[in-house]
Amino acid sequence: AAWITGLRREQSGARADVPLLDESDARRAKLNPLADWTWGDVWHYIGQNAVPYNALHDAFFPSIGCEPCTRAISLGEDFRSGRWWWEDENAKECGLHVKSIDSHEEETKA
């Protein structure tokens, strides 16, 4: 089994070492095909290939999650500053990508 993500190394310090392929879980591989892409690479690809995207990006939402955890950013703010904006300035991860899927599933069942 495989889990394919859109994680990119430049997104945050917590993602700086994201590998292209993570096989640390014997049950499933985690593929991060965009790991070495930049913000510019993503938007260039979208433009060149007419890829549909969430219109919130046009309203200054560069990082989109669930409704209560996401806000638009202001000019000059870090791209991830609109996520979990009430939390610790350095903690901008929900946990899905920093814990195993099984651990996350156990937390959501509790």
PDB file of N, CA and C in Angstrom:
ATOM      1  N   ALA A   1       0.849  -1.186   0.000  1.00  0.00           N
ATOM      2  CA  ALA A   1       0.000   0.000   0.000  1.00  0.00           C
ATOM      3  C   ALA A   1       0.887   1.238   0.000  1.00  0.00           C
ATOM      4  N   ALA A   2       0.351   2.313  -0.517  1.00  0.00           N
ATOM      5  CA  ALA A   2       1.105   3.567  -0.569  1.00  0.00           C
ATOM      6  C   ALA A   2       0.211   4.737  -0.182  1.00  0.00           C
ATOM      7  N   TRP A   3       0.831   5.724   0.417  1.00  0.00           N
ATOM      8  CA  TRP A   3       0.178   6.974   0.800  1.00  0.00           C
ATOM      9  C   TRP A   3       0.930   8.059   0.038  1.00  0.00           C
ATOM     10  N   ILE A   4       0.260   8.781  -0.837  1.00  0.00           N
ATOM     11  CA  ILE A   4       0.893   9.818  -1.650  1.00  0.00           C
ATOM     12  C   ILE A   4       0.513  11.177  -1.082  1.00  0.00           C
ATOM     13  N   THR A   5       1.517  12.018  -0.834  1.00  0.00           N
ATOM     14  CA  THR A   5       1.286  13.333  -0.243  1.00  0.00           C
ATOM     15  C   THR A   5       1.744  14.443  -1.179  1.00  0.00           C
ATOM     16  N   GLY A   6       1.473  15.660  -0.782  1.00  0.00           N
ATOM     17  CA  GLY A   6       1.957  16.843  -1.485  1.00  0.00           C
ATOM     18  C   GLY A   6       2.938  17.619  -0.615  1.00  0.00           C
ATOM     19  N   LEU A   7       3.546  16.940   0.360  1.00  0.00           N
ATOM     20  CA  LEU A   7       4.493  17.610   1.252  1.00  0.00           C
ATOM     21  C   LEU A   7       5.694  18.136   0.477  1.00  0.00           C
ATOM     22  N   ARG A   8       6.117  19.347   0.843  1.00  0.00           N
ATOM     23  CA  ARG A   8       7.299  19.954   0.231  1.00  0.00           C
ATOM     24  C   ARG A   8       8.247  20.410   1.330  1.00  0.00           C
ATOM     25  N   ARG A   9       9.532  20.237   1.125  1.00  0.00           N
ATOM     26  CA  ARG A   9      10.540  20.575   2.135  1.00  0.00           C
ATOM     27  C   ARG A   9      10.529  22.049   2.509  1.00  0.00           C
ATOM     28  N   GLU A  10      10.231  22.911   1.565  1.00  0.00           N
ATOM     29  CA  GLU A  10      10.298  24.343   1.847  1.00  0.00           C
ATOM     30  C   GLU A  10       9.113  24.841   2.673  1.00  0.00           C
ATOM     31  N   GLN A  11       8.107  24.009   2.905  1.00  0.00           N
ATOM     32  CA  GLN A  11       6.906  24.459   3.604  1.00  0.00           C
ATOM     33  C   GLN A  11       7.139  24.822   5.062  1.00  0.00           C
ATOM     34  N   SER A  12       8.015  24.112   5.736  1.00  0.00           N
ATOM     35  CA  SER A  12       8.262  24.411   7.150  1.00  0.00           C
ATOM     36  C   SER A  12       9.521  23.698   7.610  1.00  0.00           C
ATOM     37  N   GLY A  13      10.016  24.107   8.759  1.00  0.00           N
ATOM     38  CA  GLY A  13      11.173  23.441   9.344  1.00  0.00           C
ATOM     39  C   GLY A  13      10.896  21.974   9.638  1.00  0.00           C
ATOM     40  N   ALA A  14       9.664  21.676  10.040  1.00  0.00           N
ATOM     41  CA  ALA A  14       9.289  20.292  10.337  1.00  0.00           C
ATOM     42  C   ALA A  14       9.302  19.416   9.089  1.00  0.00           C
ATOM     43  N   ARG A  15       9.232  20.032   7.921  1.00  0.00           N
ATOM     44  CA  ARG A  15       9.204  19.274   6.668  1.00  0.00           C
ATOM     45  C   ARG A  15      10.526  19.349   5.902  1.00  0.00           C
ATOM     46  N   ALA A  16      11.518  19.990   6.461  1.00  0.00           N
ATOM     47  CA  ALA A  16      12.786  20.227   5.762  1.00  0.00           C
ATOM     48  C   ALA A  16      13.490  18.949   5.318  1.00  0.00           C
ATOM     49  N   ASP A  17      13.276  17.862   6.023  1.00  0.00           N
ATOM     50  CA  ASP A  17      13.949  16.604   5.699  1.00  0.00           C
ATOM     51  C   ASP A  17      13.015  15.564   5.084  1.00  0.00           C
ATOM     52  N   VAL A  18      11.883  15.993   4.556  1.00  0.00           N
ATOM     53  CA  VAL A  18      10.923  15.057   3.959  1.00  0.00           C
ATOM     54  C   VAL A  18      11.605  14.309   2.808  1.00  0.00           C
ATOM     55  N   PRO A  19      11.606  12.973   2.864  1.00  0.00           N
ATOM     56  CA  PRO A  19      12.210  12.206   1.770  1.00  0.00           C
ATOM     57  C   PRO A  19      11.232  12.050   0.603  1.00  0.00           C
ATOM     58  N   LEU A  20      11.760  11.736  -0.562  1.00  0.00           N
ATOM     59  CA  LEU A  20      10.882  11.438  -1.695  1.00  0.00           C
ATOM     60  C   LEU A  20      10.104  10.147  -1.438  1.00  0.00           C
ATOM     61  N   LEU A  21      10.740   9.194  -0.782  1.00  0.00           N
ATOM     62  CA  LEU A  21      10.114   7.915  -0.461  1.00  0.00           C
ATOM     63  C   LEU A  21      10.449   7.547   0.973  1.00  0.00           C
ATOM     64  N   ASP A  22       9.430   7.281   1.764  1.00  0.00           N
ATOM     65  CA  ASP A  22       9.605   6.871   3.158  1.00  0.00           C
ATOM     66  C   ASP A  22       9.055   5.460   3.294  1.00  0.00           C
ATOM     67  N   GLU A  23       9.953   4.517   3.531  1.00  0.00           N
ATOM     68  CA  GLU A  23       9.543   3.123   3.687  1.00  0.00           C
ATOM     69  C   GLU A  23       9.730   2.649   5.123  1.00  0.00           C
ATOM     70  N   SER A  24       9.683   3.573   6.083  1.00  0.00           N
ATOM     71  CA  SER A  24       9.906   3.214   7.480  1.00  0.00           C
ATOM     72  C   SER A  24       8.759   2.402   8.077  1.00  0.00           C
ATOM     73  N   ASP A  25       7.585   2.455   7.479  1.00  0.00           N
ATOM     74  CA  ASP A  25       6.441   1.655   7.920  1.00  0.00           C
ATOM     75  C   ASP A  25       6.344   0.447   6.993  1.00  0.00           C
ATOM     76  N   ALA A  26       6.481  -0.748   7.544  1.00  0.00           N
ATOM     77  CA  ALA A  26       6.482  -1.964   6.723  1.00  0.00           C
ATOM     78  C   ALA A  26       5.151  -2.208   6.023  1.00  0.00           C
ATOM     79  N   ARG A  27       4.078  -1.583   6.516  1.00  0.00           N
ATOM     80  CA  ARG A  27       2.754  -1.818   5.934  1.00  0.00           C
ATOM     81  C   ARG A  27       2.445  -0.922   4.752  1.00  0.00           C
ATOM     82  N   ARG A  28       3.071   0.232   4.678  1.00  0.00           N
ATOM     83  CA  ARG A  28       2.773   1.141   3.564  1.00  0.00           C
ATOM     84  C   ARG A  28       3.951   2.093   3.350  1.00  0.00           C
ATOM     85  N   ALA A  29       4.187   2.415   2.102  1.00  0.00           N
ATOM     86  CA  ALA A  29       5.205   3.405   1.754  1.00  0.00           C
ATOM     87  C   ALA A  29       4.531   4.769   1.697  1.00  0.00           C
ATOM     88  N   LYS A  30       5.274   5.795   2.041  1.00  0.00           N
ATOM     89  CA  LYS A  30       4.768   7.166   1.951  1.00  0.00           C
ATOM     90  C   LYS A  30       5.561   7.863   0.847  1.00  0.00           C
ATOM     91  N   LEU A  31       4.871   8.237  -0.219  1.00  0.00           N
ATOM     92  CA  LEU A  31       5.501   8.885  -1.362  1.00  0.00           C
ATOM     93  C   LEU A  31       5.276  10.388  -1.274  1.00  0.00           C
ATOM     94  N   ASN A  32       6.344  11.138  -1.418  1.00  0.00           N
ATOM     95  CA  ASN A  32       6.299  12.597  -1.373  1.00  0.00           C
ATOM     96  C   ASN A  32       6.894  13.141  -2.672  1.00  0.00           C
ATOM     97  N   PRO A  33       6.200  12.981  -3.800  1.00  0.00           N
ATOM     98  CA  PRO A  33       6.784  13.325  -5.096  1.00  0.00           C
ATOM     99  C   PRO A  33       7.104  14.808  -5.277  1.00  0.00           C
ATOM    100  N   LEU A  34       6.528  15.674  -4.469  1.00  0.00           N
ATOM    101  CA  LEU A  34       6.789  17.112  -4.584  1.00  0.00           C
ATOM    102  C   LEU A  34       7.790  17.600  -3.544  1.00  0.00           C
ATOM    103  N   ALA A  35       8.455  16.691  -2.858  1.00  0.00           N
ATOM    104  CA  ALA A  35       9.339  17.060  -1.747  1.00  0.00           C
ATOM    105  C   ALA A  35      10.338  18.153  -2.114  1.00  0.00           C
ATOM    106  N   ASP A  36      10.911  18.099  -3.291  1.00  0.00           N
ATOM    107  CA  ASP A  36      11.924  19.098  -3.652  1.00  0.00           C
ATOM    108  C   ASP A  36      11.381  20.238  -4.516  1.00  0.00           C
ATOM    109  N   TRP A  37      10.057  20.325  -4.662  1.00  0.00           N
ATOM    110  CA  TRP A  37       9.450  21.422  -5.423  1.00  0.00           C
ATOM    111  C   TRP A  37       9.360  22.670  -4.556  1.00  0.00           C
ATOM    112  N   THR A  38       9.456  23.823  -5.195  1.00  0.00           N
ATOM    113  CA  THR A  38       9.251  25.101  -4.516  1.00  0.00           C
ATOM    114  C   THR A  38       7.821  25.567  -4.762  1.00  0.00           C
ATOM    115  N   TRP A  39       7.433  26.613  -4.046  1.00  0.00           N
ATOM    116  CA  TRP A  39       6.125  27.248  -4.263  1.00  0.00           C
ATOM    117  C   TRP A  39       6.001  27.651  -5.736  1.00  0.00           C
ATOM    118  N   GLY A  40       7.071  28.220  -6.277  1.00  0.00           N
ATOM    119  CA  GLY A  40       7.073  28.628  -7.684  1.00  0.00           C
ATOM    120  C   GLY A  40       6.922  27.453  -8.630  1.00  0.00           C
ATOM    121  N   ASP A  41       7.584  26.337  -8.315  1.00  0.00           N
ATOM    122  CA  ASP A  41       7.456  25.133  -9.145  1.00  0.00           C
ATOM    123  C   ASP A  41       6.005  24.667  -9.203  1.00  0.00           C
ATOM    124  N   VAL A  42       5.332  24.679  -8.052  1.00  0.00           N
ATOM    125  CA  VAL A  42       3.936  24.231  -7.989  1.00  0.00           C
ATOM    126  C   VAL A  42       3.060  25.100  -8.881  1.00  0.00           C
ATOM    127  N   TRP A  43       3.173  26.431  -8.729  1.00  0.00           N
ATOM    128  CA  TRP A  43       2.314  27.335  -9.502  1.00  0.00           C
ATOM    129  C   TRP A  43       2.674  27.360 -10.977  1.00  0.00           C
ATOM    130  N   HIS A  44       3.939  27.151 -11.305  1.00  0.00           N
ATOM    131  CA  HIS A  44       4.340  27.038 -12.707  1.00  0.00           C
ATOM    132  C   HIS A  44       3.668  25.805 -13.328  1.00  0.00           C
ATOM    133  N   TYR A  45       3.719  24.680 -12.624  1.00  0.00           N
ATOM    134  CA  TYR A  45       3.096  23.450 -13.122  1.00  0.00           C
ATOM    135  C   TYR A  45       1.587  23.631 -13.280  1.00  0.00           C
ATOM    136  N   ILE A  46       0.953  24.243 -12.295  1.00  0.00           N
ATOM    137  CA  ILE A  46      -0.494  24.493 -12.369  1.00  0.00           C
ATOM    138  C   ILE A  46      -0.827  25.317 -13.609  1.00  0.00           C
ATOM    139  N   GLY A  47      -0.065  26.388 -13.830  1.00  0.00           N
ATOM    140  CA  GLY A  47      -0.312  27.250 -14.985  1.00  0.00           C
ATOM    141  C   GLY A  47      -0.045  26.580 -16.316  1.00  0.00           C
ATOM    142  N   GLN A  48       1.048  25.837 -16.396  1.00  0.00           N
ATOM    143  CA  GLN A  48       1.427  25.186 -17.649  1.00  0.00           C
ATOM    144  C   GLN A  48       0.511  24.021 -18.021  1.00  0.00           C
ATOM    145  N   ASN A  49      -0.131  23.421 -17.019  1.00  0.00           N
ATOM    146  CA  ASN A  49      -0.931  22.224 -17.266  1.00  0.00           C
ATOM    147  C   ASN A  49      -2.416  22.401 -16.971  1.00  0.00           C
ATOM    148  N   ALA A  50      -2.838  23.638 -16.770  1.00  0.00           N
ATOM    149  CA  ALA A  50      -4.249  23.960 -16.507  1.00  0.00           C
ATOM    150  C   ALA A  50      -4.849  23.088 -15.404  1.00  0.00           C
ATOM    151  N   VAL A  51      -4.081  22.903 -14.334  1.00  0.00           N
ATOM    152  CA  VAL A  51      -4.544  22.099 -13.202  1.00  0.00           C
ATOM    153  C   VAL A  51      -5.528  22.922 -12.376  1.00  0.00           C
ATOM    154  N   PRO A  52      -6.714  22.397 -12.098  1.00  0.00           N
ATOM    155  CA  PRO A  52      -7.651  23.139 -11.249  1.00  0.00           C
ATOM    156  C   PRO A  52      -7.086  23.251  -9.828  1.00  0.00           C
ATOM    157  N   TYR A  53      -7.405  24.346  -9.151  1.00  0.00           N
ATOM    158  CA  TYR A  53      -6.931  24.529  -7.779  1.00  0.00           C
ATOM    159  C   TYR A  53      -8.011  25.223  -6.965  1.00  0.00           C
ATOM    160  N   ASN A  54      -7.876  25.166  -5.662  1.00  0.00           N
ATOM    161  CA  ASN A  54      -8.852  25.761  -4.749  1.00  0.00           C
ATOM    162  C   ASN A  54      -8.811  27.280  -4.876  1.00  0.00           C
ATOM    163  N   ALA A  55      -9.960  27.896  -5.111  1.00  0.00           N
ATOM    164  CA  ALA A  55     -10.050  29.351  -5.293  1.00  0.00           C
ATOM    165  C   ALA A  55      -9.642  30.131  -4.048  1.00  0.00           C
ATOM    166  N   LEU A  56      -9.594  29.487  -2.891  1.00  0.00           N
ATOM    167  CA  LEU A  56      -9.124  30.182  -1.686  1.00  0.00           C
ATOM    168  C   LEU A  56      -7.681  30.667  -1.843  1.00  0.00           C
ATOM    169  N   HIS A  57      -6.903  29.993  -2.681  1.00  0.00           N
ATOM    170  CA  HIS A  57      -5.527  30.452  -2.921  1.00  0.00           C
ATOM    171  C   HIS A  57      -5.528  31.879  -3.475  1.00  0.00           C
ATOM    172  N   ASP A  58      -6.518  32.225  -4.279  1.00  0.00           N
ATOM    173  CA  ASP A  58      -6.615  33.571  -4.848  1.00  0.00           C
ATOM    174  C   ASP A  58      -7.034  34.610  -3.810  1.00  0.00           C
ATOM    175  N   ALA A  59      -7.528  34.144  -2.666  1.00  0.00           N
ATOM    176  CA  ALA A  59      -7.973  35.038  -1.588  1.00  0.00           C
ATOM    177  C   ALA A  59      -6.968  35.037  -0.430  1.00  0.00           C
ATOM    178  N   PHE A  60      -5.688  34.763  -0.731  1.00  0.00           N
ATOM    179  CA  PHE A  60      -4.591  34.812   0.240  1.00  0.00           C
ATOM    180  C   PHE A  60      -4.654  33.705   1.287  1.00  0.00           C
ATOM    181  N   PHE A  61      -5.082  32.515   0.867  1.00  0.00           N
ATOM    182  CA  PHE A  61      -5.032  31.310   1.690  1.00  0.00           C
ATOM    183  C   PHE A  61      -4.010  30.367   1.048  1.00  0.00           C
ATOM    184  N   PRO A  62      -2.701  30.550   1.285  1.00  0.00           N
ATOM    185  CA  PRO A  62      -1.720  29.688   0.628  1.00  0.00           C
ATOM    186  C   PRO A  62      -1.665  28.275   1.201  1.00  0.00           C
ATOM    187  N   SER A  63      -2.136  28.093   2.430  1.00  0.00           N
ATOM    188  CA  SER A  63      -2.150  26.782   3.076  1.00  0.00           C
ATOM    189  C   SER A  63      -3.567  26.548   3.589  1.00  0.00           C
ATOM    190  N   ILE A  64      -4.218  25.517   3.073  1.00  0.00           N
ATOM    191  CA  ILE A  64      -5.636  25.310   3.361  1.00  0.00           C
ATOM    192  C   ILE A  64      -5.839  24.012   4.131  1.00  0.00           C
ATOM    193  N   GLY A  65      -6.559  24.127   5.228  1.00  0.00           N
ATOM    194  CA  GLY A  65      -6.915  22.962   6.040  1.00  0.00           C
ATOM    195  C   GLY A  65      -8.383  23.040   6.371  1.00  0.00           C
ATOM    196  N   CYS A  66      -8.744  22.574   7.546  1.00  0.00           N
ATOM    197  CA  CYS A  66     -10.145  22.640   7.952  1.00  0.00           C
ATOM    198  C   CYS A  66     -10.527  24.093   8.252  1.00  0.00           C
ATOM    199  N   GLU A  67     -11.807  24.392   8.207  1.00  0.00           N
ATOM    200  CA  GLU A  67     -12.300  25.765   8.330  1.00  0.00           C
ATOM    201  C   GLU A  67     -11.839  26.479   9.603  1.00  0.00           C
ATOM    202  N   PRO A  68     -11.971  25.888  10.793  1.00  0.00           N
ATOM    203  CA  PRO A  68     -11.566  26.651  11.979  1.00  0.00           C
ATOM    204  C   PRO A  68     -10.051  26.814  12.127  1.00  0.00           C
ATOM    205  N   CYS A  69      -9.276  26.005  11.412  1.00  0.00           N
ATOM    206  CA  CYS A  69      -7.814  26.041  11.556  1.00  0.00           C
ATOM    207  C   CYS A  69      -7.114  26.853  10.474  1.00  0.00           C
ATOM    208  N   THR A  70      -7.864  27.518   9.618  1.00  0.00           N
ATOM    209  CA  THR A  70      -7.283  28.194   8.462  1.00  0.00           C
ATOM    210  C   THR A  70      -7.795  29.620   8.357  1.00  0.00           C
ATOM    211  N   ARG A  71      -6.896  30.548   8.078  1.00  0.00           N
ATOM    212  CA  ARG A  71      -7.287  31.936   7.821  1.00  0.00           C
ATOM    213  C   ARG A  71      -6.421  32.469   6.691  1.00  0.00           C
ATOM    214  N   ALA A  72      -6.870  33.559   6.082  1.00  0.00           N
ATOM    215  CA  ALA A  72      -6.067  34.228   5.055  1.00  0.00           C
ATOM    216  C   ALA A  72      -4.854  34.856   5.735  1.00  0.00           C
ATOM    217  N   ILE A  73      -3.796  35.058   4.969  1.00  0.00           N
ATOM    218  CA  ILE A  73      -2.612  35.718   5.513  1.00  0.00           C
ATOM    219  C   ILE A  73      -2.513  37.126   4.951  1.00  0.00           C
ATOM    220  N   SER A  74      -1.708  37.933   5.622  1.00  0.00           N
ATOM    221  CA  SER A  74      -1.452  39.296   5.171  1.00  0.00           C
ATOM    222  C   SER A  74      -0.136  39.341   4.415  1.00  0.00           C
ATOM    223  N   LEU A  75       0.050  40.372   3.630  1.00  0.00           N
ATOM    224  CA  LEU A  75       1.284  40.563   2.877  1.00  0.00           C
ATOM    225  C   LEU A  75       2.475  40.515   3.832  1.00  0.00           C
ATOM    226  N   GLY A  76       3.463  39.713   3.513  1.00  0.00           N
ATOM    227  CA  GLY A  76       4.666  39.601   4.316  1.00  0.00           C
ATOM    228  C   GLY A  76       4.642  38.494   5.357  1.00  0.00           C
ATOM    229  N   GLU A  77       3.473  37.918   5.625  1.00  0.00           N
ATOM    230  CA  GLU A  77       3.409  36.813   6.585  1.00  0.00           C
ATOM    231  C   GLU A  77       3.927  35.532   5.940  1.00  0.00           C
ATOM    232  N   ASP A  78       4.445  34.637   6.767  1.00  0.00           N
ATOM    233  CA  ASP A  78       4.873  33.326   6.308  1.00  0.00           C
ATOM    234  C   ASP A  78       3.674  32.580   5.725  1.00  0.00           C
ATOM    235  N   PHE A  79       3.909  31.753   4.709  1.00  0.00           N
ATOM    236  CA  PHE A  79       2.834  31.010   4.053  1.00  0.00           C
ATOM    237  C   PHE A  79       2.016  30.166   5.023  1.00  0.00           C
ATOM    238  N   ARG A  80       2.648  29.630   6.057  1.00  0.00           N
ATOM    239  CA  ARG A  80       1.939  28.738   6.979  1.00  0.00           C
ATOM    240  C   ARG A  80       1.354  29.478   8.181  1.00  0.00           C
ATOM    241  N   SER A  81       1.484  30.798   8.231  1.00  0.00           N
ATOM    242  CA  SER A  81       0.988  31.541   9.393  1.00  0.00           C
ATOM    243  C   SER A  81      -0.529  31.528   9.509  1.00  0.00           C
ATOM    244  N   GLY A  82      -1.231  31.194   8.452  1.00  0.00           N
ATOM    245  CA  GLY A  82      -2.684  31.111   8.502  1.00  0.00           C
ATOM    246  C   GLY A  82      -3.213  29.785   9.007  1.00  0.00           C
ATOM    247  N   ARG A  83      -2.328  28.869   9.351  1.00  0.00           N
ATOM    248  CA  ARG A  83      -2.729  27.555   9.865  1.00  0.00           C
ATOM    249  C   ARG A  83      -2.484  27.506  11.359  1.00  0.00           C
ATOM    250  N   TRP A  84      -3.436  27.003  12.102  1.00  0.00           N
ATOM    251  CA  TRP A  84      -3.339  26.875  13.560  1.00  0.00           C
ATOM    252  C   TRP A  84      -2.769  28.152  14.147  1.00  0.00           C
ATOM    253  N   TRP A  85      -3.302  29.283  13.685  1.00  0.00           N
ATOM    254  CA  TRP A  85      -2.789  30.615  13.984  1.00  0.00           C
ATOM    255  C   TRP A  85      -2.833  30.962  15.458  1.00  0.00           C
ATOM    256  N   TRP A  86      -3.642  30.297  16.254  1.00  0.00           N
ATOM    257  CA  TRP A  86      -3.720  30.592  17.684  1.00  0.00           C
ATOM    258  C   TRP A  86      -2.702  29.782  18.477  1.00  0.00           C
ATOM    259  N   GLU A  87      -2.046  28.830  17.824  1.00  0.00           N
ATOM    260  CA  GLU A  87      -1.101  27.940  18.487  1.00  0.00           C
ATOM    261  C   GLU A  87       0.301  28.537  18.524  1.00  0.00           C
ATOM    262  N   ASP A  88       1.232  27.748  19.013  1.00  0.00           N
ATOM    263  CA  ASP A  88       2.646  28.091  19.064  1.00  0.00           C
ATOM    264  C   ASP A  88       3.123  28.493  17.669  1.00  0.00           C
ATOM    265  N   GLU A  89       3.828  29.585  17.589  1.00  0.00           N
ATOM    266  CA  GLU A  89       4.311  30.119  16.309  1.00  0.00           C
ATOM    267  C   GLU A  89       5.117  29.093  15.512  1.00  0.00           C
ATOM    268  N   ASN A  90       5.840  28.202  16.202  1.00  0.00           N
ATOM    269  CA  ASN A  90       6.700  27.244  15.517  1.00  0.00           C
ATOM    270  C   ASN A  90       6.023  25.908  15.225  1.00  0.00           C
ATOM    271  N   ALA A  91       4.830  25.685  15.746  1.00  0.00           N
ATOM    272  CA  ALA A  91       4.138  24.404  15.563  1.00  0.00           C
ATOM    273  C   ALA A  91       3.000  24.574  14.569  1.00  0.00           C
ATOM    274  N   LYS A  92       3.248  24.293  13.324  1.00  0.00           N
ATOM    275  CA  LYS A  92       2.242  24.471  12.276  1.00  0.00           C
ATOM    276  C   LYS A  92       1.889  23.151  11.608  1.00  0.00           C
ATOM    277  N   GLU A  93       1.960  22.063  12.343  1.00  0.00           N
ATOM    278  CA  GLU A  93       1.604  20.746  11.829  1.00  0.00           C
ATOM    279  C   GLU A  93       0.443  20.190  12.641  1.00  0.00           C
ATOM    280  N   CYS A  94      -0.524  19.601  11.979  1.00  0.00           N
ATOM    281  CA  CYS A  94      -1.683  19.030  12.676  1.00  0.00           C
ATOM    282  C   CYS A  94      -1.363  17.693  13.318  1.00  0.00           C
ATOM    283  N   GLY A  95      -0.319  17.043  12.884  1.00  0.00           N
ATOM    284  CA  GLY A  95       0.042  15.741  13.419  1.00  0.00           C
ATOM    285  C   GLY A  95      -0.113  14.622  12.409  1.00  0.00           C
ATOM    286  N   LEU A  96      -0.919  14.823  11.400  1.00  0.00           N
ATOM    287  CA  LEU A  96      -1.151  13.782  10.407  1.00  0.00           C
ATOM    288  C   LEU A  96       0.146  13.349   9.734  1.00  0.00           C
ATOM    289  N   HIS A  97       1.020  14.300   9.433  1.00  0.00           N
ATOM    290  CA  HIS A  97       2.244  13.963   8.715  1.00  0.00           C
ATOM    291  C   HIS A  97       3.444  13.756   9.626  1.00  0.00           C
ATOM    292  N   VAL A  98       3.289  13.967  10.909  1.00  0.00           N
ATOM    293  CA  VAL A  98       4.423  13.767  11.809  1.00  0.00           C
ATOM    294  C   VAL A  98       4.231  12.561  12.710  1.00  0.00           C
ATOM    295  N   LYS A  99       3.094  11.901  12.630  1.00  0.00           N
ATOM    296  CA  LYS A  99       2.818  10.667  13.366  1.00  0.00           C
ATOM    297  C   LYS A  99       2.380   9.618  12.357  1.00  0.00           C
ATOM    298  N   SER A 100       2.422   8.375  12.769  1.00  0.00           N
ATOM    299  CA  SER A 100       1.961   7.328  11.853  1.00  0.00           C
ATOM    300  C   SER A 100       0.458   7.423  11.664  1.00  0.00           C
ATOM    301  N   ILE A 101      -0.026   6.877  10.579  1.00  0.00           N
ATOM    302  CA  ILE A 101      -1.460   6.871  10.311  1.00  0.00           C
ATOM    303  C   ILE A 101      -2.196   6.165  11.440  1.00  0.00           C
ATOM    304  N   ASP A 102      -1.668   5.042  11.898  1.00  0.00           N
ATOM    305  CA  ASP A 102      -2.346   4.289  12.951  1.00  0.00           C
ATOM    306  C   ASP A 102      -2.449   5.096  14.234  1.00  0.00           C
ATOM    307  N   SER A 103      -1.398   5.812  14.607  1.00  0.00           N
ATOM    308  CA  SER A 103      -1.452   6.649  15.805  1.00  0.00           C
ATOM    309  C   SER A 103      -2.512   7.716  15.644  1.00  0.00           C
ATOM    310  N   HIS A 104      -2.571   8.319  14.458  1.00  0.00           N
ATOM    311  CA  HIS A 104      -3.571   9.359  14.198  1.00  0.00           C
ATOM    312  C   HIS A 104      -4.976   8.773  14.278  1.00  0.00           C
ATOM    313  N   GLU A 105      -5.163   7.588  13.721  1.00  0.00           N
ATOM    314  CA  GLU A 105      -6.476   6.958  13.762  1.00  0.00           C
ATOM    315  C   GLU A 105      -6.881   6.651  15.194  1.00  0.00           C
ATOM    316  N   GLU A 106      -5.939   6.205  16.024  1.00  0.00           N
ATOM    317  CA  GLU A 106      -6.247   5.917  17.423  1.00  0.00           C
ATOM    318  C   GLU A 106      -6.668   7.183  18.156  1.00  0.00           C
ATOM    319  N   GLU A 107      -5.999   8.301  17.877  1.00  0.00           N
ATOM    320  CA  GLU A 107      -6.343   9.569  18.517  1.00  0.00           C
ATOM    321  C   GLU A 107      -7.738  10.024  18.126  1.00  0.00           C
ATOM    322  N   THR A 108      -8.111   9.840  16.866  1.00  0.00           N
ATOM    323  CA  THR A 108      -9.417  10.313  16.414  1.00  0.00           C
ATOM    324  C   THR A 108     -10.549   9.417  16.898  1.00  0.00           C
ATOM    325  N   LYS A 109     -10.250   8.163  17.250  1.00  0.00           N
ATOM    326  CA  LYS A 109     -11.270   7.264  17.791  1.00  0.00           C
ATOM    327  C   LYS A 109     -11.568   7.574  19.249  1.00  0.00           C
ATOM    328  N   ALA A 110     -10.592   8.133  19.950  1.00  0.00           N
ATOM    329  CA  ALA A 110     -10.734   8.387  21.398  1.00  0.00           C
ATOM    330  C   ALA A 110     -11.746   9.472  21.695  1.00  0.00           C
TER     331      ALA A 110
END
